[in-house]
């Protein structure tokens, strides 16, 4: 298990792709255009079949390649 602190608007450090990414109740603080950029970065880091978990306050703006599997839980196809 690995935990890292990263700047969501900055360059993404190199990691192997993740099985699950938790980004709960963070995105709603950003402008919509920045939310899209952050979501694109996160999805690039997510394995196929991996899960993206957002908070109830966050809105998924990129739906291509994602399957809704629960409240604020999405699976990458």
PDB file of N, CA and C in Angstrom:
ATOM      1  N   UNK A   1       0.850  -1.155   0.000  1.00  0.00           N
ATOM      2  CA  UNK A   1       0.000   0.000   0.000  1.00  0.00           C
ATOM      3  C   UNK A   1       0.908   1.233   0.000  1.00  0.00           C
ATOM      4  N   UNK A   2       0.483   2.226  -0.754  1.00  0.00           N
ATOM      5  CA  UNK A   2       1.292   3.437  -0.866  1.00  0.00           C
ATOM      6  C   UNK A   2       0.394   4.657  -0.773  1.00  0.00           C
ATOM      7  N   UNK A   3       0.818   5.635  -0.003  1.00  0.00           N
ATOM      8  CA  UNK A   3       0.108   6.898   0.112  1.00  0.00           C
ATOM      9  C   UNK A   3       1.076   8.002  -0.263  1.00  0.00           C
ATOM     10  N   UNK A   4       0.618   8.950  -1.053  1.00  0.00           N
ATOM     11  CA  UNK A   4       1.452  10.074  -1.486  1.00  0.00           C
ATOM     12  C   UNK A   4       0.631  11.347  -1.441  1.00  0.00           C
ATOM     13  N   UNK A   5       1.285  12.439  -1.169  1.00  0.00           N
ATOM     14  CA  UNK A   5       0.671  13.758  -1.255  1.00  0.00           C
ATOM     15  C   UNK A   5       1.061  14.330  -2.615  1.00  0.00           C
ATOM     16  N   UNK A   6       0.067  14.751  -3.405  1.00  0.00           N
ATOM     17  CA  UNK A   6       0.351  15.313  -4.727  1.00  0.00           C
ATOM     18  C   UNK A   6      -0.462  16.580  -4.939  1.00  0.00           C
ATOM     19  N   UNK A   7       0.015  17.419  -5.837  1.00  0.00           N
ATOM     20  CA  UNK A   7      -0.710  18.612  -6.255  1.00  0.00           C
ATOM     21  C   UNK A   7      -1.559  18.212  -7.458  1.00  0.00           C
ATOM     22  N   UNK A   8      -2.852  18.226  -7.318  1.00  0.00           N
ATOM     23  CA  UNK A   8      -3.739  17.753  -8.385  1.00  0.00           C
ATOM     24  C   UNK A   8      -3.676  18.610  -9.639  1.00  0.00           C
ATOM     25  N   UNK A   9      -3.273  19.866  -9.511  1.00  0.00           N
ATOM     26  CA  UNK A   9      -3.163  20.728 -10.690  1.00  0.00           C
ATOM     27  C   UNK A   9      -1.748  20.743 -11.260  1.00  0.00           C
ATOM     28  N   UNK A  10      -0.804  20.184 -10.538  1.00  0.00           N
ATOM     29  CA  UNK A  10       0.585  20.146 -11.000  1.00  0.00           C
ATOM     30  C   UNK A  10       0.863  18.888 -11.803  1.00  0.00           C
ATOM     31  N   UNK A  11       2.142  18.699 -12.110  1.00  0.00           N
ATOM     32  CA  UNK A  11       2.558  17.502 -12.841  1.00  0.00           C
ATOM     33  C   UNK A  11       2.342  16.280 -11.948  1.00  0.00           C
ATOM     34  N   UNK A  12       1.835  15.237 -12.543  1.00  0.00           N
ATOM     35  CA  UNK A  12       1.584  14.011 -11.797  1.00  0.00           C
ATOM     36  C   UNK A  12       2.890  13.231 -11.697  1.00  0.00           C
ATOM     37  N   UNK A  13       3.304  12.874 -10.489  1.00  0.00           N
ATOM     38  CA  UNK A  13       4.520  12.062 -10.363  1.00  0.00           C
ATOM     39  C   UNK A  13       4.303  10.700 -11.003  1.00  0.00           C
ATOM     40  N   UNK A  14       5.380  10.028 -11.340  1.00  0.00           N
ATOM     41  CA  UNK A  14       5.248   8.716 -11.980  1.00  0.00           C
ATOM     42  C   UNK A  14       4.896   7.676 -10.940  1.00  0.00           C
ATOM     43  N   UNK A  15       3.804   7.019 -11.166  1.00  0.00           N
ATOM     44  CA  UNK A  15       3.373   5.889 -10.339  1.00  0.00           C
ATOM     45  C   UNK A  15       2.954   4.779 -11.288  1.00  0.00           C
ATOM     46  N   UNK A  16       2.986   3.563 -10.783  1.00  0.00           N
ATOM     47  CA  UNK A  16       2.312   2.498 -11.523  1.00  0.00           C
ATOM     48  C   UNK A  16       0.827   2.808 -11.443  1.00  0.00           C
ATOM     49  N   UNK A  17       0.062   2.249 -12.361  1.00  0.00           N
ATOM     50  CA  UNK A  17      -1.375   2.526 -12.360  1.00  0.00           C
ATOM     51  C   UNK A  17      -2.030   1.934 -11.117  1.00  0.00           C
ATOM     52  N   UNK A  18      -3.069   2.619 -10.662  1.00  0.00           N
ATOM     53  CA  UNK A  18      -3.740   2.265  -9.415  1.00  0.00           C
ATOM     54  C   UNK A  18      -4.960   1.377  -9.652  1.00  0.00           C
ATOM     55  N   UNK A  19      -5.266   0.531  -8.670  1.00  0.00           N
ATOM     56  CA  UNK A  19      -6.489  -0.272  -8.672  1.00  0.00           C
ATOM     57  C   UNK A  19      -7.681   0.561  -8.215  1.00  0.00           C
ATOM     58  N   UNK A  20      -7.436   1.510  -7.322  1.00  0.00           N
ATOM     59  CA  UNK A  20      -8.492   2.373  -6.807  1.00  0.00           C
ATOM     60  C   UNK A  20      -7.898   3.741  -6.477  1.00  0.00           C
ATOM     61  N   UNK A  21      -8.654   4.771  -6.778  1.00  0.00           N
ATOM     62  CA  UNK A  21      -8.267   6.145  -6.435  1.00  0.00           C
ATOM     63  C   UNK A  21      -9.424   6.768  -5.669  1.00  0.00           C
ATOM     64  N   UNK A  22      -9.118   7.263  -4.466  1.00  0.00           N
ATOM     65  CA  UNK A  22     -10.097   7.982  -3.668  1.00  0.00           C
ATOM     66  C   UNK A  22      -9.812   9.474  -3.800  1.00  0.00           C
ATOM     67  N   UNK A  23     -10.767  10.213  -4.285  1.00  0.00           N
ATOM     68  CA  UNK A  23     -10.645  11.670  -4.410  1.00  0.00           C
ATOM     69  C   UNK A  23     -11.975  12.241  -3.922  1.00  0.00           C
ATOM     70  N   UNK A  24     -12.142  12.199  -2.630  1.00  0.00           N
ATOM     71  CA  UNK A  24     -13.443  12.504  -2.036  1.00  0.00           C
ATOM     72  C   UNK A  24     -13.526  13.948  -1.559  1.00  0.00           C
ATOM     73  N   UNK A  25     -14.575  14.622  -2.035  1.00  0.00           N
ATOM     74  CA  UNK A  25     -14.919  15.981  -1.593  1.00  0.00           C
ATOM     75  C   UNK A  25     -13.761  16.958  -1.761  1.00  0.00           C
ATOM     76  N   UNK A  26     -13.114  16.875  -2.920  1.00  0.00           N
ATOM     77  CA  UNK A  26     -11.993  17.758  -3.250  1.00  0.00           C
ATOM     78  C   UNK A  26     -12.306  18.563  -4.504  1.00  0.00           C
ATOM     79  N   UNK A  27     -12.855  17.897  -5.500  1.00  0.00           N
ATOM     80  CA  UNK A  27     -13.016  18.512  -6.819  1.00  0.00           C
ATOM     81  C   UNK A  27     -13.926  19.729  -6.812  1.00  0.00           C
ATOM     82  N   UNK A  28     -14.909  19.757  -5.945  1.00  0.00           N
ATOM     83  CA  UNK A  28     -15.868  20.871  -5.966  1.00  0.00           C
ATOM     84  C   UNK A  28     -15.213  22.206  -5.597  1.00  0.00           C
ATOM     85  N   UNK A  29     -13.992  22.177  -5.077  1.00  0.00           N
ATOM     86  CA  UNK A  29     -13.276  23.416  -4.776  1.00  0.00           C
ATOM     87  C   UNK A  29     -12.668  24.062  -6.033  1.00  0.00           C
ATOM     88  N   UNK A  30     -12.550  23.289  -7.116  1.00  0.00           N
ATOM     89  CA  UNK A  30     -11.919  23.754  -8.341  1.00  0.00           C
ATOM     90  C   UNK A  30     -12.947  24.288  -9.331  1.00  0.00           C
ATOM     91  N   UNK A  31     -12.481  25.168 -10.231  1.00  0.00           N
ATOM     92  CA  UNK A  31     -13.316  25.605 -11.356  1.00  0.00           C
ATOM     93  C   UNK A  31     -13.592  24.383 -12.229  1.00  0.00           C
ATOM     94  N   UNK A  32     -14.680  24.406 -12.978  1.00  0.00           N
ATOM     95  CA  UNK A  32     -15.065  23.254 -13.786  1.00  0.00           C
ATOM     96  C   UNK A  32     -13.965  22.838 -14.757  1.00  0.00           C
ATOM     97  N   UNK A  33     -13.294  23.798 -15.389  1.00  0.00           N
ATOM     98  CA  UNK A  33     -12.222  23.438 -16.333  1.00  0.00           C
ATOM     99  C   UNK A  33     -11.067  22.727 -15.623  1.00  0.00           C
ATOM    100  N   UNK A  34     -10.771  23.109 -14.392  1.00  0.00           N
ATOM    101  CA  UNK A  34      -9.728  22.441 -13.618  1.00  0.00           C
ATOM    102  C   UNK A  34     -10.195  21.074 -13.128  1.00  0.00           C
ATOM    103  N   UNK A  35     -11.474  20.956 -12.830  1.00  0.00           N
ATOM    104  CA  UNK A  35     -12.024  19.652 -12.443  1.00  0.00           C
ATOM    105  C   UNK A  35     -11.829  18.645 -13.577  1.00  0.00           C
ATOM    106  N   UNK A  36     -12.072  19.089 -14.801  1.00  0.00           N
ATOM    107  CA  UNK A  36     -11.896  18.207 -15.962  1.00  0.00           C
ATOM    108  C   UNK A  36     -10.437  17.792 -16.087  1.00  0.00           C
ATOM    109  N   UNK A  37      -9.515  18.731 -15.943  1.00  0.00           N
ATOM    110  CA  UNK A  37      -8.084  18.408 -16.025  1.00  0.00           C
ATOM    111  C   UNK A  37      -7.682  17.392 -14.964  1.00  0.00           C
ATOM    112  N   UNK A  38      -8.144  17.593 -13.750  1.00  0.00           N
ATOM    113  CA  UNK A  38      -7.804  16.671 -12.661  1.00  0.00           C
ATOM    114  C   UNK A  38      -8.393  15.292 -12.937  1.00  0.00           C
ATOM    115  N   UNK A  39      -9.635  15.237 -13.372  1.00  0.00           N
ATOM    116  CA  UNK A  39     -10.257  13.948 -13.660  1.00  0.00           C
ATOM    117  C   UNK A  39      -9.532  13.222 -14.789  1.00  0.00           C
ATOM    118  N   UNK A  40      -9.090  13.944 -15.816  1.00  0.00           N
ATOM    119  CA  UNK A  40      -8.327  13.324 -16.897  1.00  0.00           C
ATOM    120  C   UNK A  40      -7.032  12.711 -16.362  1.00  0.00           C
ATOM    121  N   UNK A  41      -6.334  13.445 -15.493  1.00  0.00           N
ATOM    122  CA  UNK A  41      -5.090  12.934 -14.905  1.00  0.00           C
ATOM    123  C   UNK A  41      -5.346  11.684 -14.068  1.00  0.00           C
ATOM    124  N   UNK A  42      -6.380  11.741 -13.255  1.00  0.00           N
ATOM    125  CA  UNK A  42      -6.683  10.598 -12.403  1.00  0.00           C
ATOM    126  C   UNK A  42      -7.032   9.362 -13.227  1.00  0.00           C
ATOM    127  N   UNK A  43      -7.812   9.553 -14.274  1.00  0.00           N
ATOM    128  CA  UNK A  43      -8.218   8.413 -15.096  1.00  0.00           C
ATOM    129  C   UNK A  43      -7.043   7.805 -15.846  1.00  0.00           C
ATOM    130  N   UNK A  44      -6.060   8.612 -16.219  1.00  0.00           N
ATOM    131  CA  UNK A  44      -4.854   8.070 -16.859  1.00  0.00           C
ATOM    132  C   UNK A  44      -4.079   7.181 -15.893  1.00  0.00           C
ATOM    133  N   UNK A  45      -4.164   7.479 -14.597  1.00  0.00           N
ATOM    134  CA  UNK A  45      -3.433   6.722 -13.582  1.00  0.00           C
ATOM    135  C   UNK A  45      -4.190   5.492 -13.092  1.00  0.00           C
ATOM    136  N   UNK A  46      -5.429   5.311 -13.553  1.00  0.00           N
ATOM    137  CA  UNK A  46      -6.281   4.226 -13.087  1.00  0.00           C
ATOM    138  C   UNK A  46      -6.197   3.036 -14.035  1.00  0.00           C
ATOM    139  N   UNK A  47      -5.999   1.845 -13.485  1.00  0.00           N
ATOM    140  CA  UNK A  47      -5.963   0.615 -14.286  1.00  0.00           C
ATOM    141  C   UNK A  47      -7.331   0.361 -14.905  1.00  0.00           C
ATOM    142  N   UNK A  48      -7.344  -0.345 -16.028  1.00  0.00           N
ATOM    143  CA  UNK A  48      -8.615  -0.828 -16.568  1.00  0.00           C
ATOM    144  C   UNK A  48      -9.213  -1.768 -15.535  1.00  0.00           C
ATOM    145  N   UNK A  49     -10.476  -1.593 -15.236  1.00  0.00           N
ATOM    146  CA  UNK A  49     -11.132  -2.375 -14.193  1.00  0.00           C
ATOM    147  C   UNK A  49     -10.969  -1.762 -12.813  1.00  0.00           C
ATOM    148  N   UNK A  50     -10.209  -0.650 -12.716  1.00  0.00           N
ATOM    149  CA  UNK A  50      -9.998   0.023 -11.441  1.00  0.00           C
ATOM    150  C   UNK A  50     -11.160   0.933 -11.093  1.00  0.00           C
ATOM    151  N   UNK A  51     -11.178   1.387  -9.846  1.00  0.00           N
ATOM    152  CA  UNK A  51     -12.286   2.180  -9.333  1.00  0.00           C
ATOM    153  C   UNK A  51     -11.857   3.602  -8.984  1.00  0.00           C
ATOM    154  N   UNK A  52     -12.708   4.548  -9.337  1.00  0.00           N
ATOM    155  CA  UNK A  52     -12.562   5.938  -8.945  1.00  0.00           C
ATOM    156  C   UNK A  52     -13.687   6.251  -7.973  1.00  0.00           C
ATOM    157  N   UNK A  53     -13.319   6.705  -6.774  1.00  0.00           N
ATOM    158  CA  UNK A  53     -14.307   7.011  -5.748  1.00  0.00           C
ATOM    159  C   UNK A  53     -14.271   8.511  -5.474  1.00  0.00           C
ATOM    160  N   UNK A  54     -15.386   9.170  -5.756  1.00  0.00           N
ATOM    161  CA  UNK A  54     -15.504  10.602  -5.521  1.00  0.00           C
ATOM    162  C   UNK A  54     -16.378  10.841  -4.295  1.00  0.00           C
ATOM    163  N   UNK A  55     -16.443  12.069  -3.858  1.00  0.00           N
ATOM    164  CA  UNK A  55     -17.289  12.428  -2.731  1.00  0.00           C
ATOM    165  C   UNK A  55     -18.673  12.838  -3.191  1.00  0.00           C
ATOM    166  N   UNK A  56     -19.590  12.911  -2.267  1.00  0.00           N
ATOM    167  CA  UNK A  56     -20.963  13.308  -2.592  1.00  0.00           C
ATOM    168  C   UNK A  56     -21.034  14.727  -3.136  1.00  0.00           C
ATOM    169  N   UNK A  57     -20.066  15.561  -2.805  1.00  0.00           N
ATOM    170  CA  UNK A  57     -20.053  16.951  -3.272  1.00  0.00           C
ATOM    171  C   UNK A  57     -19.408  17.101  -4.643  1.00  0.00           C
ATOM    172  N   UNK A  58     -18.742  16.047  -5.123  1.00  0.00           N
ATOM    173  CA  UNK A  58     -18.031  16.112  -6.402  1.00  0.00           C
ATOM    174  C   UNK A  58     -18.921  15.655  -7.542  1.00  0.00           C
ATOM    175  N   UNK A  59     -18.632  16.173  -8.734  1.00  0.00           N
ATOM    176  CA  UNK A  59     -19.413  15.831  -9.923  1.00  0.00           C
ATOM    177  C   UNK A  59     -18.467  15.225 -10.952  1.00  0.00           C
ATOM    178  N   UNK A  60     -18.814  14.063 -11.476  1.00  0.00           N
ATOM    179  CA  UNK A  60     -18.015  13.446 -12.523  1.00  0.00           C
ATOM    180  C   UNK A  60     -18.326  14.145 -13.841  1.00  0.00           C
ATOM    181  N   UNK A  61     -17.316  14.741 -14.449  1.00  0.00           N
ATOM    182  CA  UNK A  61     -17.502  15.488 -15.693  1.00  0.00           C
ATOM    183  C   UNK A  61     -17.036  14.694 -16.906  1.00  0.00           C
ATOM    184  N   UNK A  62     -16.273  13.638 -16.678  1.00  0.00           N
ATOM    185  CA  UNK A  62     -15.796  12.775 -17.766  1.00  0.00           C
ATOM    186  C   UNK A  62     -16.442  11.413 -17.560  1.00  0.00           C
ATOM    187  N   UNK A  63     -17.276  11.002 -18.504  1.00  0.00           N
ATOM    188  CA  UNK A  63     -17.974   9.729 -18.336  1.00  0.00           C
ATOM    189  C   UNK A  63     -17.522   8.670 -19.329  1.00  0.00           C
ATOM    190  N   UNK A  64     -16.781   9.069 -20.354  1.00  0.00           N
ATOM    191  CA  UNK A  64     -16.319   8.100 -21.348  1.00  0.00           C
ATOM    192  C   UNK A  64     -15.395   7.080 -20.705  1.00  0.00           C
ATOM    193  N   UNK A  65     -15.697   5.814 -20.921  1.00  0.00           N
ATOM    194  CA  UNK A  65     -14.851   4.752 -20.407  1.00  0.00           C
ATOM    195  C   UNK A  65     -15.088   4.414 -18.953  1.00  0.00           C
ATOM    196  N   UNK A  66     -16.137   4.979 -18.362  1.00  0.00           N
ATOM    197  CA  UNK A  66     -16.443   4.705 -16.962  1.00  0.00           C
ATOM    198  C   UNK A  66     -17.844   4.122 -16.821  1.00  0.00           C
ATOM    199  N   UNK A  67     -17.971   3.218 -15.882  1.00  0.00           N
ATOM    200  CA  UNK A  67     -19.250   2.602 -15.575  1.00  0.00           C
ATOM    201  C   UNK A  67     -19.634   3.000 -14.155  1.00  0.00           C
ATOM    202  N   UNK A  68     -20.850   3.453 -13.969  1.00  0.00           N
ATOM    203  CA  UNK A  68     -21.367   3.827 -12.651  1.00  0.00           C
ATOM    204  C   UNK A  68     -21.700   2.540 -11.897  1.00  0.00           C
ATOM    205  N   UNK A  69     -21.015   2.306 -10.773  1.00  0.00           N
ATOM    206  CA  UNK A  69     -21.251   1.069 -10.014  1.00  0.00           C
ATOM    207  C   UNK A  69     -21.802   1.318  -8.614  1.00  0.00           C
ATOM    208  N   UNK A  70     -22.009   2.557  -8.265  1.00  0.00           N
ATOM    209  CA  UNK A  70     -22.538   2.886  -6.940  1.00  0.00           C
ATOM    210  C   UNK A  70     -22.596   4.390  -6.799  1.00  0.00           C
ATOM    211  N   UNK A  71     -23.052   4.826  -5.665  1.00  0.00           N
ATOM    212  CA  UNK A  71     -23.128   6.265  -5.430  1.00  0.00           C
ATOM    213  C   UNK A  71     -21.706   6.798  -5.363  1.00  0.00           C
ATOM    214  N   UNK A  72     -21.354   7.615  -6.328  1.00  0.00           N
ATOM    215  CA  UNK A  72     -20.034   8.257  -6.479  1.00  0.00           C
ATOM    216  C   UNK A  72     -18.885   7.256  -6.670  1.00  0.00           C
ATOM    217  N   UNK A  73     -19.199   6.024  -7.116  1.00  0.00           N
ATOM    218  CA  UNK A  73     -18.160   5.026  -7.396  1.00  0.00           C
ATOM    219  C   UNK A  73     -18.261   4.649  -8.869  1.00  0.00           C
ATOM    220  N   UNK A  74     -17.100   4.710  -9.548  1.00  0.00           N
ATOM    221  CA  UNK A  74     -17.063   4.462 -10.988  1.00  0.00           C
ATOM    222  C   UNK A  74     -15.971   3.443 -11.296  1.00  0.00           C
ATOM    223  N   UNK A  75     -16.239   2.587 -12.277  1.00  0.00           N
ATOM    224  CA  UNK A  75     -15.277   1.567 -12.691  1.00  0.00           C
ATOM    225  C   UNK A  75     -14.796   1.886 -14.101  1.00  0.00           C
ATOM    226  N   UNK A  76     -13.485   1.856 -14.281  1.00  0.00           N
ATOM    227  CA  UNK A  76     -12.910   2.106 -15.603  1.00  0.00           C
ATOM    228  C   UNK A  76     -13.041   0.855 -16.444  1.00  0.00           C
ATOM    229  N   UNK A  77     -13.623   1.007 -17.639  1.00  0.00           N
ATOM    230  CA  UNK A  77     -13.842  -0.131 -18.541  1.00  0.00           C
ATOM    231  C   UNK A  77     -12.556  -0.567 -19.196  1.00  0.00           C
TER     232      UNK A  77
END
